[in-house]
Amino acid sequence: MPKCKDNKVLLEQAYLDKSSSRICVYLDIVTLKLGYFFFLFTKFAGFIMASNLQPSNNIYTALDRFLPAGTTEHFPEILDGHSVLIKVTPPRLSKFGDYRPLRGKKFLHQITINNDLNPYAFLVTFVHEIAHMYAFEKHKNLVKPHGQEWKDIYAHILAPFITKQYLPTDVYLSLLEHINGPTASSCSDVKLFQALKKYSPGGHEAKLLEALPLGAVFKWRNGMVFRKEEKVRKRYRCIDLETKKIWFFHPMAEIERLDY
């Protein structure tokens, strides 16, 4: 059975190890940065928790609770035969998920996905990262990360999921448009991002920087107050009203509008 080698408490583990396929899923909940002895204690506690679980003979059982109902049945065809470590991790502000090849490890590939994504966002992110794995297997580092080769693979893998059997109407319609011109991430597709965001807790109330007029004042999650200025390529130039320093924000940044 694969072991958890990093400093994270292992909540649940499922694995599949065949001659033609090695896949492991780690569902990591807590990252420890509080000192060596506390780490040893919590690592032991994590082992006790894991030992009380019944490992699944099918890794897709572990993923099922993160995905839209019925979609898990497609993933054996997509993933079987690939040596990949899949980690469902605590949320990261900078990304929903990522892919990287592994060298000198038990697995050849690693995919990570944030554990706070709603099922539809999880699905799109998961397929996005799987497409990176496919592209690397076929082209290595000889093509652009989000070039045409990746786009073709991404659209091919995503297509079976674009049906009202699995998706609410707004996500379904947004994905129909998205698949014809997929961008580097769902965050870069404004319409798709807004459709996906609605199904997250508090998603209906979320205010996005893209929706503010130029000159509007807003507060960022760290309490800093900015004024929105012009768009420079893909991001908005914003001025910190206290220090007058320039920051660049993604259009889909969630903010609190202030009336000045």
Protein backbone atom coordinates (compact mmCIF):
# COMPACT_ATOMS: atom_id res chain seq x y z
CA MET A 1 0.00 0.00 0.00
CA PRO A 2 1.39 3.48 -0.87
CA LYS A 3 2.49 5.53 2.14
CA CYS A 4 2.00 9.21 2.79
CA LYS A 5 5.54 10.66 2.82
CA ASP A 6 4.80 14.37 3.25
CA ASN A 7 3.72 16.34 6.31
CA LYS A 8 -0.01 15.97 5.87
CA VAL A 9 -2.53 14.04 7.89
CA LEU A 10 -3.93 11.27 5.73
CA LEU A 11 -7.69 11.18 6.13
CA GLU A 12 -8.61 8.61 3.51
CA GLN A 13 -6.69 6.44 1.07
CA ALA A 14 -7.82 4.40 -1.88
CA TYR A 15 -5.62 2.66 -4.35
CA LEU A 16 -5.45 0.51 -7.45
CA ASP A 17 -2.21 -1.29 -8.31
CA LYS A 18 -2.17 -3.43 -11.45
CA SER A 19 0.52 -4.40 -13.90
CA SER A 20 -0.99 -2.03 -16.43
CA SER A 21 -2.12 0.72 -14.09
CA ARG A 22 -0.91 2.36 -10.88
CA ILE A 23 -3.18 4.99 -9.44
CA CYS A 24 -3.28 6.35 -5.91
CA VAL A 25 -5.61 8.92 -4.38
CA TYR A 26 -4.69 10.88 -1.27
CA LEU A 27 -7.33 13.05 0.35
CA ASP A 28 -5.19 15.45 2.39
CA ILE A 29 -6.97 17.67 4.89
CA VAL A 30 -4.40 19.34 7.16
CA THR A 31 -0.93 20.67 6.39
CA LEU A 32 1.31 20.75 9.46
CA LYS A 33 3.89 23.48 10.03
CA LEU A 34 3.97 23.60 13.81
CA GLY A 35 7.17 21.83 14.81
CA TYR A 36 8.79 18.43 14.77
CA PHE A 37 7.22 16.80 17.85
CA PHE A 38 3.69 17.98 17.06
CA PHE A 39 4.24 16.69 13.54
CA LEU A 40 5.23 13.24 14.85
CA PHE A 41 2.14 13.10 17.06
CA THR A 42 -0.26 14.15 14.34
CA LYS A 43 1.41 11.89 11.79
CA PHE A 44 0.81 8.97 14.16
CA ALA A 45 -2.79 10.12 14.70
CA GLY A 46 -3.21 10.27 10.94
CA PHE A 47 -1.93 6.72 10.64
CA ILE A 48 -4.47 5.56 13.22
CA MET A 49 -7.28 7.26 11.30
CA ALA A 50 -6.15 5.70 8.03
CA SER A 51 -5.81 2.24 9.57
CA ASN A 52 -9.48 2.30 10.61
CA LEU A 53 -10.61 2.86 7.02
CA GLN A 54 -11.32 0.13 4.51
CA PRO A 55 -9.25 0.84 1.37
CA SER A 56 -11.36 0.67 -1.74
CA ASN A 57 -10.54 -1.78 -4.50
CA ASN A 58 -11.45 1.02 -6.88
CA ILE A 59 -9.94 4.50 -6.52
CA TYR A 60 -13.00 6.04 -8.17
CA THR A 61 -14.98 5.40 -4.99
CA ALA A 62 -12.76 7.96 -3.25
CA LEU A 63 -13.29 10.54 -5.98
CA ASP A 64 -17.03 10.00 -6.32
CA ARG A 65 -17.99 12.38 -3.50
CA PHE A 66 -16.18 15.27 -5.20
CA LEU A 67 -17.69 14.86 -8.67
CA PRO A 68 -21.19 15.40 -10.14
CA ALA A 69 -23.42 12.35 -9.76
CA GLY A 70 -22.84 9.77 -12.47
CA THR A 71 -19.63 11.23 -13.91
CA THR A 72 -17.25 8.90 -12.06
CA GLU A 73 -18.11 6.03 -14.41
CA HIS A 74 -16.18 7.75 -17.23
CA PHE A 75 -12.85 7.94 -15.40
CA PRO A 76 -11.71 4.29 -15.58
CA GLU A 77 -11.51 4.65 -19.36
CA ILE A 78 -9.67 7.97 -18.95
CA LEU A 79 -7.21 7.03 -16.19
CA ASP A 80 -6.65 3.26 -16.26
CA GLY A 81 -3.22 2.52 -17.66
CA HIS A 82 -1.69 5.76 -16.35
CA SER A 83 0.69 5.90 -13.39
CA VAL A 84 -0.69 8.95 -11.56
CA LEU A 85 -0.85 10.18 -7.97
CA ILE A 86 -3.99 12.26 -7.37
CA LYS A 87 -4.05 14.54 -4.32
CA VAL A 88 -7.16 16.36 -3.11
CA THR A 89 -5.62 19.15 -1.07
CA PRO A 90 -6.56 22.07 1.20
CA PRO A 91 -7.60 25.19 -0.77
CA ARG A 92 -4.95 27.33 -2.44
CA LEU A 93 -5.64 30.95 -3.38
CA SER A 94 -3.41 30.91 -6.46
CA LYS A 95 -4.93 27.91 -8.27
CA PHE A 96 -7.71 25.32 -8.34
CA GLY A 97 -5.39 22.46 -9.31
CA ASP A 98 -2.15 21.59 -11.03
CA TYR A 99 -0.24 18.85 -12.84
CA ARG A 100 3.43 17.93 -12.81
CA PRO A 101 5.45 14.95 -14.01
CA LEU A 102 7.34 13.01 -11.34
CA ARG A 103 10.86 11.73 -11.77
CA GLY A 104 12.40 9.00 -9.67
CA LYS A 105 9.12 8.41 -7.81
CA LYS A 106 6.72 5.48 -7.57
CA PHE A 107 4.28 7.32 -9.85
CA LEU A 108 5.03 9.04 -13.14
CA HIS A 109 2.54 11.89 -12.75
CA GLN A 110 0.89 13.95 -10.02
CA ILE A 111 -2.40 15.87 -10.14
CA THR A 112 -3.61 18.04 -7.26
CA ILE A 113 -7.09 19.55 -6.87
CA ASN A 114 -8.47 21.85 -4.16
CA ASN A 115 -10.92 20.12 -1.82
CA ASP A 116 -13.28 23.13 -1.56
CA LEU A 117 -14.42 23.13 -5.20
CA ASN A 118 -18.08 22.41 -5.94
CA PRO A 119 -18.63 19.23 -8.01
CA TYR A 120 -18.87 21.03 -11.36
CA ALA A 121 -15.71 23.09 -10.76
CA PHE A 122 -13.93 19.96 -9.53
CA LEU A 123 -14.88 18.12 -12.72
CA VAL A 124 -13.64 20.87 -15.05
CA THR A 125 -10.42 21.31 -13.06
CA PHE A 126 -9.78 17.55 -12.94
CA VAL A 127 -10.23 17.16 -16.71
CA HIS A 128 -8.03 20.22 -17.28
CA GLU A 129 -5.15 18.64 -15.34
CA ILE A 130 -5.65 15.19 -16.88
CA ALA A 131 -5.32 16.86 -20.30
CA HIS A 132 -1.93 18.22 -19.17
CA MET A 133 -0.89 14.68 -18.26
CA TYR A 134 -1.97 13.34 -21.66
CA ALA A 135 -0.18 16.20 -23.44
CA PHE A 136 3.04 15.54 -21.52
CA GLU A 137 2.88 11.82 -22.25
CA LYS A 138 2.50 12.52 -25.97
CA HIS A 139 4.65 15.63 -26.45
CA LYS A 140 6.81 15.98 -23.29
CA ASN A 141 7.85 19.64 -22.97
CA LEU A 142 7.95 20.25 -26.72
CA VAL A 143 4.61 22.12 -26.89
CA LYS A 144 3.12 25.10 -25.06
CA PRO A 145 1.28 24.23 -21.79
CA HIS A 146 -2.02 25.57 -23.16
CA GLY A 147 -1.25 25.36 -26.85
CA GLN A 148 -3.40 23.77 -29.55
CA GLU A 149 -2.22 20.27 -28.72
CA TRP A 150 -3.43 20.61 -25.13
CA LYS A 151 -6.68 22.28 -26.22
CA ASP A 152 -7.53 19.41 -28.56
CA ILE A 153 -6.89 16.82 -25.82
CA TYR A 154 -8.85 18.83 -23.24
CA ALA A 155 -11.87 19.21 -25.52
CA HIS A 156 -11.81 15.48 -26.36
CA ILE A 157 -11.75 14.39 -22.70
CA LEU A 158 -14.34 16.98 -21.60
CA ALA A 159 -16.89 16.29 -24.35
CA PRO A 160 -18.64 13.24 -22.75
CA PHE A 161 -19.36 15.26 -19.60
CA ILE A 162 -21.13 18.10 -21.40
CA THR A 163 -24.68 16.88 -21.04
CA LYS A 164 -27.69 17.95 -18.98
CA GLN A 165 -27.61 14.49 -17.46
CA TYR A 166 -24.67 15.69 -15.34
CA LEU A 167 -24.81 19.49 -15.40
CA PRO A 168 -27.25 22.29 -14.58
CA THR A 169 -28.37 24.26 -17.63
CA ASP A 170 -26.16 27.32 -17.10
CA VAL A 171 -22.99 25.25 -16.61
CA TYR A 172 -23.97 23.05 -19.57
CA LEU A 173 -24.41 26.05 -21.90
CA SER A 174 -21.21 27.71 -20.67
CA LEU A 175 -19.21 24.54 -21.26
CA LEU A 176 -20.62 24.20 -24.78
CA GLU A 177 -19.06 27.57 -25.59
CA HIS A 178 -15.93 26.85 -23.55
CA ILE A 179 -15.10 23.60 -25.31
CA ASN A 180 -14.95 25.37 -28.67
CA GLY A 181 -12.17 27.65 -27.44
CA PRO A 182 -10.83 26.45 -24.09
CA THR A 183 -8.61 28.94 -22.28
CA ALA A 184 -5.79 28.29 -19.85
CA SER A 185 -8.23 27.83 -16.99
CA SER A 186 -11.89 28.11 -16.07
CA CYS A 187 -10.92 31.37 -14.33
CA SER A 188 -9.96 32.84 -17.70
CA ASP A 189 -13.41 32.13 -19.13
CA VAL A 190 -15.60 34.73 -17.44
CA LYS A 191 -18.95 33.18 -18.34
CA LEU A 192 -17.91 29.68 -17.29
CA PHE A 193 -16.31 30.92 -14.07
CA GLN A 194 -19.48 32.78 -13.08
CA ALA A 195 -21.64 29.75 -13.86
CA LEU A 196 -19.42 27.44 -11.80
CA LYS A 197 -19.13 29.93 -8.92
CA LYS A 198 -22.90 29.97 -8.39
CA TYR A 199 -22.76 26.42 -7.04
CA SER A 200 -20.17 27.18 -4.36
CA PRO A 201 -21.25 28.27 -0.85
CA GLY A 202 -21.92 32.00 -1.01
CA GLY A 203 -21.35 31.98 -4.74
CA HIS A 204 -24.45 34.03 -5.53
CA GLU A 205 -23.21 36.83 -3.27
CA ALA A 206 -19.62 36.88 -4.59
CA LYS A 207 -18.59 40.20 -6.16
CA LEU A 208 -16.03 40.01 -8.93
CA LEU A 209 -13.56 42.73 -9.89
CA GLU A 210 -14.59 42.31 -13.54
CA ALA A 211 -18.06 43.64 -12.70
CA LEU A 212 -16.83 46.92 -11.16
CA PRO A 213 -16.57 50.07 -13.29
CA LEU A 214 -13.18 51.72 -13.71
CA GLY A 215 -12.46 54.04 -10.80
CA ALA A 216 -14.48 51.97 -8.32
CA VAL A 217 -12.97 51.38 -4.87
CA PHE A 218 -12.87 47.91 -3.36
CA LYS A 219 -11.43 45.99 -0.42
CA TRP A 220 -9.31 42.89 -0.93
CA ARG A 221 -9.51 39.85 1.38
CA ASN A 222 -6.45 41.05 3.34
CA GLY A 223 -8.19 44.33 4.22
CA MET A 224 -6.24 46.50 1.76
CA VAL A 225 -8.26 49.08 -0.19
CA PHE A 226 -7.72 49.66 -3.92
CA ARG A 227 -9.05 51.71 -6.82
CA LYS A 228 -9.65 49.85 -10.06
CA GLU A 229 -7.81 51.25 -13.08
CA GLU A 230 -7.40 50.13 -16.71
CA LYS A 231 -6.87 46.57 -17.89
CA VAL A 232 -3.30 45.71 -18.86
CA ARG A 233 -3.31 42.58 -21.02
CA LYS A 234 -5.21 40.05 -18.88
CA ARG A 235 -5.23 41.79 -15.48
CA TYR A 236 -6.52 45.03 -14.01
CA ARG A 237 -4.09 47.65 -12.77
CA CYS A 238 -5.18 48.69 -9.27
CA ILE A 239 -3.80 51.34 -6.90
CA ASP A 240 -3.38 50.75 -3.18
CA LEU A 241 -5.00 53.90 -1.73
CA GLU A 242 -2.73 53.88 1.33
CA THR A 243 0.70 53.29 -0.22
CA LYS A 244 -0.09 54.33 -3.83
CA LYS A 245 1.64 51.18 -5.04
CA ILE A 246 0.42 49.43 -8.19
CA TRP A 247 -1.04 45.92 -7.99
CA PHE A 248 -2.40 43.74 -10.81
CA PHE A 249 -5.56 41.72 -10.15
CA HIS A 250 -7.19 38.87 -12.04
CA PRO A 251 -10.64 39.91 -13.41
CA MET A 252 -12.26 37.08 -11.44
CA ALA A 253 -10.83 38.19 -8.09
CA GLU A 254 -13.55 38.21 -5.42
CA ILE A 255 -13.72 41.59 -3.74
CA GLU A 256 -15.91 43.79 -1.52
CA ARG A 257 -17.06 47.00 -3.18
CA LEU A 258 -16.78 50.15 -1.10
CA ASP A 259 -18.82 53.33 -1.59
CA TYR A 260 -16.35 56.25 -1.64
